[in-house]
Amino acid sequence: MSQYLYHCQDCEKDFTQQHHISDIEKAEATCPHCGSKRVHQLVAAFSAVTSKKS
């Protein structure tokens, strides 16, 4: 499961939700603060740690 960052257009708060990567197209995010469905996904930075040295 991956975490996705969203922003609510009604209450102006950011929140995260977990979705399976294959279901992200079908997933409907709902704001946990106000219950609004007027949300949009934000771009979030990430990093990956591997054991292989380059």
PDB file of N, CA and C in Angstrom:
ATOM      1  N   MET A   1       0.848  -1.172   0.000  1.00  0.00           N
ATOM      2  CA  MET A   1       0.000   0.000   0.000  1.00  0.00           C
ATOM      3  C   MET A   1       0.896   1.238   0.000  1.00  0.00           C
ATOM      4  N   SER A   2       0.479   2.206  -0.767  1.00  0.00           N
ATOM      5  CA  SER A   2       1.212   3.463  -0.852  1.00  0.00           C
ATOM      6  C   SER A   2       0.389   4.575  -0.211  1.00  0.00           C
ATOM      7  N   GLN A   3       1.090   5.560   0.331  1.00  0.00           N
ATOM      8  CA  GLN A   3       0.417   6.705   0.918  1.00  0.00           C
ATOM      9  C   GLN A   3       0.387   7.834  -0.097  1.00  0.00           C
ATOM     10  N   TYR A   4      -0.755   8.497  -0.190  1.00  0.00           N
ATOM     11  CA  TYR A   4      -0.948   9.602  -1.110  1.00  0.00           C
ATOM     12  C   TYR A   4      -1.343  10.836  -0.322  1.00  0.00           C
ATOM     13  N   LEU A   5      -0.802  11.971  -0.704  1.00  0.00           N
ATOM     14  CA  LEU A   5      -1.051  13.233  -0.035  1.00  0.00           C
ATOM     15  C   LEU A   5      -2.119  14.002  -0.795  1.00  0.00           C
ATOM     16  N   TYR A   6      -3.130  14.499  -0.065  1.00  0.00           N
ATOM     17  CA  TYR A   6      -4.244  15.234  -0.652  1.00  0.00           C
ATOM     18  C   TYR A   6      -4.414  16.584   0.034  1.00  0.00           C
ATOM     19  N   HIS A   7      -5.095  17.491  -0.657  1.00  0.00           N
ATOM     20  CA  HIS A   7      -5.447  18.795  -0.102  1.00  0.00           C
ATOM     21  C   HIS A   7      -6.951  18.989  -0.290  1.00  0.00           C
ATOM     22  N   CYS A   8      -7.639  19.377   0.771  1.00  0.00           N
ATOM     23  CA  CYS A   8      -9.078  19.619   0.725  1.00  0.00           C
ATOM     24  C   CYS A   8      -9.334  21.057   0.291  1.00  0.00           C
ATOM     25  N   GLN A   9     -10.191  21.232  -0.696  1.00  0.00           N
ATOM     26  CA  GLN A   9     -10.511  22.563  -1.193  1.00  0.00           C
ATOM     27  C   GLN A   9     -11.539  23.278  -0.312  1.00  0.00           C
ATOM     28  N   ASP A  10     -12.243  22.545   0.524  1.00  0.00           N
ATOM     29  CA  ASP A  10     -13.252  23.158   1.389  1.00  0.00           C
ATOM     30  C   ASP A  10     -12.665  23.648   2.716  1.00  0.00           C
ATOM     31  N   CYS A  11     -11.919  22.794   3.418  1.00  0.00           N
ATOM     32  CA  CYS A  11     -11.375  23.196   4.719  1.00  0.00           C
ATOM     33  C   CYS A  11      -9.892  23.566   4.654  1.00  0.00           C
ATOM     34  N   GLU A  12      -9.285  23.455   3.457  1.00  0.00           N
ATOM     35  CA  GLU A  12      -7.886  23.870   3.234  1.00  0.00           C
ATOM     36  C   GLU A  12      -6.868  23.078   4.051  1.00  0.00           C
ATOM     37  N   LYS A  13      -7.181  21.836   4.402  1.00  0.00           N
ATOM     38  CA  LYS A  13      -6.250  21.010   5.169  1.00  0.00           C
ATOM     39  C   LYS A  13      -5.668  19.925   4.275  1.00  0.00           C
ATOM     40  N   ASP A  14      -4.427  19.527   4.577  1.00  0.00           N
ATOM     41  CA  ASP A  14      -3.771  18.426   3.885  1.00  0.00           C
ATOM     42  C   ASP A  14      -3.949  17.149   4.697  1.00  0.00           C
ATOM     43  N   PHE A  15      -4.003  16.015   4.023  1.00  0.00           N
ATOM     44  CA  PHE A  15      -4.122  14.727   4.699  1.00  0.00           C
ATOM     45  C   PHE A  15      -3.560  13.633   3.805  1.00  0.00           C
ATOM     46  N   THR A  16      -3.296  12.485   4.382  1.00  0.00           N
ATOM     47  CA  THR A  16      -2.802  11.343   3.617  1.00  0.00           C
ATOM     48  C   THR A  16      -3.816  10.211   3.682  1.00  0.00           C
ATOM     49  N   GLN A  17      -3.848   9.419   2.622  1.00  0.00           N
ATOM     50  CA  GLN A  17      -4.660   8.209   2.597  1.00  0.00           C
ATOM     51  C   GLN A  17      -3.845   7.117   1.928  1.00  0.00           C
ATOM     52  N   GLN A  18      -4.094   5.889   2.330  1.00  0.00           N
ATOM     53  CA  GLN A  18      -3.397   4.754   1.737  1.00  0.00           C
ATOM     54  C   GLN A  18      -4.273   4.099   0.690  1.00  0.00           C
ATOM     55  N   HIS A  19      -3.674   3.826  -0.460  1.00  0.00           N
ATOM     56  CA  HIS A  19      -4.347   3.123  -1.539  1.00  0.00           C
ATOM     57  C   HIS A  19      -3.381   2.109  -2.123  1.00  0.00           C
ATOM     58  N   HIS A  20      -3.914   1.008  -2.577  1.00  0.00           N
ATOM     59  CA  HIS A  20      -3.102   0.058  -3.321  1.00  0.00           C
ATOM     60  C   HIS A  20      -2.782   0.701  -4.655  1.00  0.00           C
ATOM     61  N   ILE A  21      -1.561   0.549  -5.121  1.00  0.00           N
ATOM     62  CA  ILE A  21      -1.118   1.245  -6.332  1.00  0.00           C
ATOM     63  C   ILE A  21      -1.972   0.892  -7.554  1.00  0.00           C
ATOM     64  N   SER A  22      -2.529  -0.297  -7.607  1.00  0.00           N
ATOM     65  CA  SER A  22      -3.366  -0.681  -8.752  1.00  0.00           C
ATOM     66  C   SER A  22      -4.770  -0.082  -8.662  1.00  0.00           C
ATOM     67  N   ASP A  23      -5.166   0.426  -7.496  1.00  0.00           N
ATOM     68  CA  ASP A  23      -6.506   0.982  -7.302  1.00  0.00           C
ATOM     69  C   ASP A  23      -6.535   2.501  -7.281  1.00  0.00           C
ATOM     70  N   ILE A  24      -5.414   3.177  -7.497  1.00  0.00           N
ATOM     71  CA  ILE A  24      -5.371   4.635  -7.370  1.00  0.00           C
ATOM     72  C   ILE A  24      -6.299   5.321  -8.368  1.00  0.00           C
ATOM     73  N   GLU A  25      -6.495   4.758  -9.551  1.00  0.00           N
ATOM     74  CA  GLU A  25      -7.395   5.365 -10.537  1.00  0.00           C
ATOM     75  C   GLU A  25      -8.853   5.313 -10.069  1.00  0.00           C
ATOM     76  N   LYS A  26      -9.219   4.264  -9.326  1.00  0.00           N
ATOM     77  CA  LYS A  26     -10.598   4.084  -8.873  1.00  0.00           C
ATOM     78  C   LYS A  26     -10.858   4.671  -7.485  1.00  0.00           C
ATOM     79  N   ALA A  27      -9.790   4.956  -6.744  1.00  0.00           N
ATOM     80  CA  ALA A  27      -9.931   5.394  -5.357  1.00  0.00           C
ATOM     81  C   ALA A  27     -10.549   6.784  -5.280  1.00  0.00           C
ATOM     82  N   GLU A  28     -11.491   6.949  -4.373  1.00  0.00           N
ATOM     83  CA  GLU A  28     -12.106   8.249  -4.124  1.00  0.00           C
ATOM     84  C   GLU A  28     -11.648   8.729  -2.755  1.00  0.00           C
ATOM     85  N   ALA A  29     -10.916   9.815  -2.747  1.00  0.00           N
ATOM     86  CA  ALA A  29     -10.440  10.367  -1.482  1.00  0.00           C
ATOM     87  C   ALA A  29     -11.528  11.250  -0.869  1.00  0.00           C
ATOM     88  N   THR A  30     -11.674  11.137   0.439  1.00  0.00           N
ATOM     89  CA  THR A  30     -12.612  11.948   1.201  1.00  0.00           C
ATOM     90  C   THR A  30     -11.852  12.582   2.351  1.00  0.00           C
ATOM     91  N   CYS A  31     -12.051  13.873   2.560  1.00  0.00           N
ATOM     92  CA  CYS A  31     -11.360  14.577   3.633  1.00  0.00           C
ATOM     93  C   CYS A  31     -11.798  14.033   4.993  1.00  0.00           C
ATOM     94  N   PRO A  32     -10.851  13.601   5.827  1.00  0.00           N
ATOM     95  CA  PRO A  32     -11.222  13.092   7.156  1.00  0.00           C
ATOM     96  C   PRO A  32     -11.617  14.205   8.124  1.00  0.00           C
ATOM     97  N   HIS A  33     -11.316  15.450   7.797  1.00  0.00           N
ATOM     98  CA  HIS A  33     -11.624  16.579   8.684  1.00  0.00           C
ATOM     99  C   HIS A  33     -13.051  17.083   8.500  1.00  0.00           C
ATOM    100  N   CYS A  34     -13.493  17.219   7.222  1.00  0.00           N
ATOM    101  CA  CYS A  34     -14.822  17.804   6.988  1.00  0.00           C
ATOM    102  C   CYS A  34     -15.739  16.899   6.153  1.00  0.00           C
ATOM    103  N   GLY A  35     -15.208  15.797   5.606  1.00  0.00           N
ATOM    104  CA  GLY A  35     -16.019  14.865   4.840  1.00  0.00           C
ATOM    105  C   GLY A  35     -16.202  15.238   3.376  1.00  0.00           C
ATOM    106  N   SER A  36     -15.552  16.299   2.929  1.00  0.00           N
ATOM    107  CA  SER A  36     -15.693  16.768   1.549  1.00  0.00           C
ATOM    108  C   SER A  36     -15.010  15.824   0.559  1.00  0.00           C
ATOM    109  N   LYS A  37     -15.563  15.751  -0.638  1.00  0.00           N
ATOM    110  CA  LYS A  37     -14.942  14.999  -1.721  1.00  0.00           C
ATOM    111  C   LYS A  37     -14.240  15.942  -2.701  1.00  0.00           C
ATOM    112  N   ARG A  38     -14.226  17.254  -2.370  1.00  0.00           N
ATOM    113  CA  ARG A  38     -13.531  18.235  -3.208  1.00  0.00           C
ATOM    114  C   ARG A  38     -12.061  18.293  -2.792  1.00  0.00           C
ATOM    115  N   VAL A  39     -11.326  17.252  -3.155  1.00  0.00           N
ATOM    116  CA  VAL A  39      -9.917  17.141  -2.801  1.00  0.00           C
ATOM    117  C   VAL A  39      -9.098  16.924  -4.067  1.00  0.00           C
ATOM    118  N   HIS A  40      -7.833  17.307  -4.007  1.00  0.00           N
ATOM    119  CA  HIS A  40      -6.942  16.998  -5.111  1.00  0.00           C
ATOM    120  C   HIS A  40      -5.627  16.467  -4.564  1.00  0.00           C
ATOM    121  N   GLN A  41      -5.012  15.603  -5.354  1.00  0.00           N
ATOM    122  CA  GLN A  41      -3.780  14.950  -4.945  1.00  0.00           C
ATOM    123  C   GLN A  41      -2.609  15.907  -5.119  1.00  0.00           C
ATOM    124  N   LEU A  42      -1.729  15.939  -4.115  1.00  0.00           N
ATOM    125  CA  LEU A  42      -0.541  16.777  -4.153  1.00  0.00           C
ATOM    126  C   LEU A  42       0.665  15.950  -4.585  1.00  0.00           C
ATOM    127  N   VAL A  43       1.664  16.619  -5.097  1.00  0.00           N
ATOM    128  CA  VAL A  43       2.913  15.964  -5.453  1.00  0.00           C
ATOM    129  C   VAL A  43       3.769  15.928  -4.200  1.00  0.00           C
ATOM    130  N   ALA A  44       4.282  14.756  -3.872  1.00  0.00           N
ATOM    131  CA  ALA A  44       5.091  14.599  -2.674  1.00  0.00           C
ATOM    132  C   ALA A  44       6.447  14.007  -3.041  1.00  0.00           C
ATOM    133  N   ALA A  45       7.467  14.468  -2.374  1.00  0.00           N
ATOM    134  CA  ALA A  45       8.807  13.933  -2.588  1.00  0.00           C
ATOM    135  C   ALA A  45       8.955  12.633  -1.798  1.00  0.00           C
ATOM    136  N   PHE A  46       9.789  11.748  -2.295  1.00  0.00           N
ATOM    137  CA  PHE A  46      10.050  10.512  -1.583  1.00  0.00           C
ATOM    138  C   PHE A  46      11.492  10.114  -1.828  1.00  0.00           C
ATOM    139  N   SER A  47      11.962   9.213  -1.007  1.00  0.00           N
ATOM    140  CA  SER A  47      13.313   8.677  -1.199  1.00  0.00           C
ATOM    141  C   SER A  47      13.279   7.185  -0.970  1.00  0.00           C
ATOM    142  N   ALA A  48      14.193   6.504  -1.599  1.00  0.00           N
ATOM    143  CA  ALA A  48      14.282   5.054  -1.457  1.00  0.00           C
ATOM    144  C   ALA A  48      15.680   4.704  -0.935  1.00  0.00           C
ATOM    145  N   VAL A  49      15.734   3.811  -0.004  1.00  0.00           N
ATOM    146  CA  VAL A  49      17.003   3.369   0.558  1.00  0.00           C
ATOM    147  C   VAL A  49      17.231   1.940   0.091  1.00  0.00           C
ATOM    148  N   THR A  50      18.385   1.701  -0.506  1.00  0.00           N
ATOM    149  CA  THR A  50      18.728   0.361  -0.952  1.00  0.00           C
ATOM    150  C   THR A  50      20.003  -0.095  -0.275  1.00  0.00           C
ATOM    151  N   SER A  51      20.222  -1.368  -0.278  1.00  0.00           N
ATOM    152  CA  SER A  51      21.423  -1.886   0.367  1.00  0.00           C
ATOM    153  C   SER A  51      22.609  -1.951  -0.607  1.00  0.00           C
ATOM    154  N   LYS A  52      22.333  -1.814  -1.893  1.00  0.00           N
ATOM    155  CA  LYS A  52      23.388  -1.883  -2.889  1.00  0.00           C
ATOM    156  C   LYS A  52      24.082  -0.535  -3.021  1.00  0.00           C
ATOM    157  N   LYS A  53      25.406  -0.536  -2.902  1.00  0.00           N
ATOM    158  CA  LYS A  53      26.159   0.709  -3.030  1.00  0.00           C
ATOM    159  C   LYS A  53      26.565   0.896  -4.483  1.00  0.00           C
ATOM    160  N   SER A  54      26.488   2.144  -4.962  1.00  0.00           N
ATOM    161  CA  SER A  54      26.855   2.388  -6.349  1.00  0.00           C
ATOM    162  C   SER A  54      28.185   3.085  -6.463  1.00  0.00           C
TER     163      SER A  54
END
